[in-house]
């Protein structure tokens, strides 16, 4: 019985034709329900592009908890500066991620 179902799925795939790898991966991510986690990971890996090299040297993202990005900052003056620029950084994150992946940032 399992073979019949497998043959049916293979036949359906042949009728639809080849699928681009990117499309197949997007479908898989959607099916697995991990779009949000991948977007969060993207923020972590693209941090330097989001904030710039100078800020990335003094502020390192540690983790994301319930939509809050926790960032370790090397000094109090930088922490104050980044706290004042929090909205600007959030806008850059949202522009890069394409959705509201991060709702707030905490600099520590």
Protein backbone atom coordinates (compact mmCIF):
# COMPACT_ATOMS: atom_id res chain seq x y z
CA UNK A 1 0.00 0.00 0.00
CA UNK A 2 2.84 2.40 0.80
CA UNK A 3 4.38 1.76 -2.61
CA UNK A 4 1.16 2.72 -4.39
CA UNK A 5 1.11 6.06 -2.57
CA UNK A 6 4.76 6.61 -3.35
CA UNK A 7 4.21 5.84 -7.05
CA UNK A 8 1.27 8.25 -7.12
CA UNK A 9 3.39 11.07 -5.63
CA UNK A 10 6.22 10.38 -8.07
CA UNK A 11 3.76 10.45 -10.96
CA UNK A 12 2.34 13.76 -9.76
CA UNK A 13 5.84 15.23 -9.55
CA UNK A 14 6.58 14.15 -13.10
CA UNK A 15 3.40 15.75 -14.42
CA UNK A 16 4.20 19.05 -12.75
CA UNK A 17 7.71 19.11 -14.13
CA UNK A 18 10.91 20.21 -12.44
CA UNK A 19 10.79 22.67 -9.57
CA UNK A 20 13.48 25.25 -8.93
CA UNK A 21 15.56 24.57 -5.84
CA UNK A 22 14.69 27.93 -4.30
CA UNK A 23 10.97 27.30 -4.72
CA UNK A 24 11.31 23.80 -3.28
CA UNK A 25 13.20 25.16 -0.25
CA UNK A 26 10.62 27.89 0.33
CA UNK A 27 7.86 25.29 0.23
CA UNK A 28 9.76 23.07 2.66
CA UNK A 29 10.39 25.94 5.09
CA UNK A 30 6.70 26.86 4.97
CA UNK A 31 5.63 23.24 5.51
CA UNK A 32 7.99 22.90 8.48
CA UNK A 33 6.77 26.19 9.95
CA UNK A 34 10.25 27.60 10.53
CA UNK A 35 10.02 30.86 8.56
CA UNK A 36 10.21 32.98 11.72
CA UNK A 37 13.24 31.15 13.11
CA UNK A 38 15.07 31.48 9.79
CA UNK A 39 14.31 35.20 9.71
CA UNK A 40 15.66 35.53 13.24
CA UNK A 41 18.80 33.64 12.23
CA UNK A 42 19.17 36.02 9.29
CA UNK A 43 19.19 39.01 11.63
CA UNK A 44 21.95 37.40 13.69
CA UNK A 45 24.10 36.51 10.68
CA UNK A 46 23.58 39.87 8.92
CA UNK A 47 24.15 42.00 11.99
CA UNK A 48 27.24 43.76 10.60
CA UNK A 49 25.42 44.68 7.37
CA UNK A 50 22.48 46.00 9.40
CA UNK A 51 24.40 48.18 11.88
CA UNK A 52 27.73 48.73 10.12
CA UNK A 53 31.24 47.54 10.89
CA UNK A 54 31.97 50.12 13.61
CA UNK A 55 28.91 49.24 15.69
CA UNK A 56 29.34 45.50 15.05
CA UNK A 57 32.79 45.71 16.67
CA UNK A 58 31.30 46.91 19.97
CA UNK A 59 27.82 45.33 19.91
CA UNK A 60 27.32 41.59 19.37
CA UNK A 61 23.88 39.98 19.14
CA UNK A 62 23.58 37.16 21.68
CA UNK A 63 20.11 35.70 21.17
CA UNK A 64 16.48 36.41 20.43
CA UNK A 65 13.86 35.74 23.11
CA UNK A 66 10.20 36.11 22.11
CA UNK A 67 10.98 38.72 19.47
CA UNK A 68 13.44 40.66 21.65
CA UNK A 69 17.00 40.85 20.34
CA UNK A 70 19.53 40.83 23.19
CA UNK A 71 22.79 42.54 22.28
CA UNK A 72 26.00 42.57 24.34
CA UNK A 73 27.69 46.00 24.22
CA UNK A 74 31.30 46.49 25.32
CA UNK A 75 30.88 49.86 27.08
CA UNK A 76 28.32 52.08 28.76
CA UNK A 77 28.75 55.01 26.32
CA UNK A 78 28.11 52.71 23.36
CA UNK A 79 25.14 51.19 25.18
CA UNK A 80 23.65 54.68 25.65
CA UNK A 81 24.30 55.58 22.00
CA UNK A 82 22.71 52.39 20.68
CA UNK A 83 19.74 52.74 23.01
CA UNK A 84 19.08 56.17 21.51
CA UNK A 85 19.37 54.65 18.00
CA UNK A 86 17.16 51.63 18.81
CA UNK A 87 14.28 52.72 16.50
CA UNK A 88 16.66 53.32 13.61
CA UNK A 89 18.26 49.89 14.05
CA UNK A 90 14.82 48.24 14.28
CA UNK A 91 13.85 49.92 10.99
CA UNK A 92 17.01 48.54 9.34
CA UNK A 93 16.25 45.08 10.68
CA UNK A 94 12.66 45.23 9.41
CA UNK A 95 13.80 46.45 6.01
CA UNK A 96 16.31 43.62 5.71
CA UNK A 97 14.12 40.84 7.15
CA UNK A 98 11.03 41.96 5.27
CA UNK A 99 8.73 41.58 8.27
CA UNK A 100 8.50 42.22 12.00
CA UNK A 101 10.90 39.53 13.13
CA UNK A 102 12.27 41.64 15.97
CA UNK A 103 9.83 43.74 18.01
CA UNK A 104 12.42 45.23 20.40
CA UNK A 105 16.14 45.38 21.15
CA UNK A 106 17.81 45.33 24.55
CA UNK A 107 21.41 46.44 24.83
CA UNK A 108 23.31 45.02 27.82
